[in-house]
C-alpha atoms as a PDB file:
ATOM      1  CA  MET A   1      31.645   3.520   9.195  1.00  0.00           C
ATOM      2  CA  ILE A   2      28.495   5.443  10.405  1.00  0.00           C
ATOM      3  CA  LEU A   3      25.247   4.246   9.016  1.00  0.00           C
ATOM      4  CA  PRO A   4      22.334   6.429   8.172  1.00  0.00           C
ATOM      5  CA  GLU A   5      19.649   6.613  10.990  1.00  0.00           C
ATOM      6  CA  SER A   6      17.195   4.963   8.851  1.00  0.00           C
ATOM      7  CA  GLN A   7      19.396   1.887   8.529  1.00  0.00           C
ATOM      8  CA  THR A   8      20.107   1.645  11.915  1.00  0.00           C
ATOM      9  CA  ARG A   9      16.340   1.792  12.895  1.00  0.00           C
ATOM     10  CA  GLU A  10      15.475  -0.890  10.182  1.00  0.00           C
ATOM     11  CA  GLY A  11      18.410  -3.002  11.612  1.00  0.00           C
ATOM     12  CA  GLU A  12      16.846  -2.532  15.028  1.00  0.00           C
ATOM     13  CA  PHE A  13      13.394  -3.329  13.939  1.00  0.00           C
ATOM     14  CA  GLU A  14      14.453  -6.539  12.182  1.00  0.00           C
ATOM     15  CA  LYS A  15      16.380  -7.739  15.557  1.00  0.00           C
ATOM     16  CA  ARG A  16      13.444  -6.996  17.613  1.00  0.00           C
ATOM     17  CA  ARG A  17      10.981  -8.556  15.088  1.00  0.00           C
ATOM     18  CA  GLN A  18      13.190 -11.822  15.187  1.00  0.00           C
ATOM     19  CA  GLU A  19      13.414 -11.792  19.129  1.00  0.00           C
ATOM     20  CA  LEU A  20       9.470 -11.714  19.367  1.00  0.00           C
ATOM     21  CA  LEU A  21       9.118 -14.391  16.598  1.00  0.00           C
ATOM     22  CA  ASP A  22      11.452 -16.516  18.659  1.00  0.00           C
ATOM     23  CA  GLU A  23       9.397 -16.003  21.694  1.00  0.00           C
ATOM     24  CA  CYS A  24       6.131 -16.648  19.738  1.00  0.00           C
ATOM     25  CA  GLN A  25       4.208 -19.708  20.868  1.00  0.00           C
ATOM     26  CA  LEU A  26       2.081 -20.070  17.809  1.00  0.00           C
ATOM     27  CA  ALA A  27       3.270 -20.427  14.421  1.00  0.00           C
ATOM     28  CA  PRO A  28       3.324 -17.427  12.319  1.00  0.00           C
ATOM     29  CA  GLN A  29       1.312 -19.306   9.537  1.00  0.00           C
ATOM     30  CA  VAL A  30      -1.535 -19.579  12.101  1.00  0.00           C
ATOM     31  CA  PHE A  31      -2.174 -15.714  11.209  1.00  0.00           C
ATOM     32  CA  GLU A  32      -1.836 -16.229   7.374  1.00  0.00           C
ATOM     33  CA  GLU A  33      -5.782 -16.024   7.076  1.00  0.00           C
ATOM     34  CA  VAL A  34      -6.052 -12.771   9.257  1.00  0.00           C
ATOM     35  CA  MET A  35      -5.526 -10.265   6.271  1.00  0.00           C
ATOM     36  CA  PRO A  36      -8.122 -11.709   3.948  1.00  0.00           C
ATOM     37  CA  ARG A  37     -10.901 -11.770   6.819  1.00  0.00           C
ATOM     38  CA  LEU A  38      -9.549  -8.167   7.957  1.00  0.00           C
ATOM     39  CA  GLU A  39      -9.974  -6.821   4.573  1.00  0.00           C
ATOM     40  CA  SER A  40     -13.657  -8.284   4.171  1.00  0.00           C
ATOM     41  CA  PHE A  41     -14.476  -6.872   7.382  1.00  0.00           C
ATOM     42  CA  MET A  42     -13.190  -3.380   6.337  1.00  0.00           C
ATOM     43  CA  GLU A  43     -15.174  -3.333   3.181  1.00  0.00           C
ATOM     44  CA  PRO A  44     -18.179  -1.422   4.436  1.00  0.00           C
ATOM     45  CA  TYR A  45     -16.306   0.986   6.393  1.00  0.00           C
ATOM     46  CA  VAL A  46     -14.196   1.704   3.593  1.00  0.00           C
ATOM     47  CA  ALA A  47     -16.838   2.197   1.196  1.00  0.00           C
ATOM     48  CA  CYS A  48     -18.129   5.195   3.353  1.00  0.00           C
ATOM     49  CA  LEU A  49     -14.847   7.038   2.744  1.00  0.00           C
ATOM     50  CA  ALA A  50     -15.239   9.881   0.513  1.00  0.00           C
ATOM     51  CA  ARG A  51     -11.591  10.230  -1.135  1.00  0.00           C
ATOM     52  CA  SER A  52      -9.429   7.712  -2.871  1.00  0.00           C
ATOM     53  CA  GLU A  53      -6.446   9.103  -0.462  1.00  0.00           C
ATOM     54  CA  GLN A  54      -8.634   8.172   2.322  1.00  0.00           C
ATOM     55  CA  VAL A  55      -9.240   4.542   1.020  1.00  0.00           C
ATOM     56  CA  ASN A  56      -5.436   4.039   0.348  1.00  0.00           C
ATOM     57  CA  HIS A  57      -4.620   5.233   3.755  1.00  0.00           C
ATOM     58  CA  ALA A  58      -6.926   2.922   5.310  1.00  0.00           C
ATOM     59  CA  HIS A  59      -5.440  -0.056   3.426  1.00  0.00           C
ATOM     60  CA  THR A  60      -1.968   1.054   4.513  1.00  0.00           C
ATOM     61  CA  PHE A  61      -2.893   1.585   8.067  1.00  0.00           C
ATOM     62  CA  VAL A  62      -4.279  -2.069   8.442  1.00  0.00           C
ATOM     63  CA  GLN A  63      -1.467  -3.625   6.615  1.00  0.00           C
ATOM     64  CA  GLY A  64       1.111  -2.044   8.714  1.00  0.00           C
END
């Protein structure tokens, strides 16, 4: 059975993600507070954007 390319890439991504987490010397929980801090940092910059699409893209870009 041949998998669609997107499923193959997702599987490769998940495998590589797990490899990186296994090598991680810091617990992932250390980074739980990063997103709220980053969002508050972004607020003045996002407020300068003129269009709602730009705001949405900024949030998507930062969240990954």
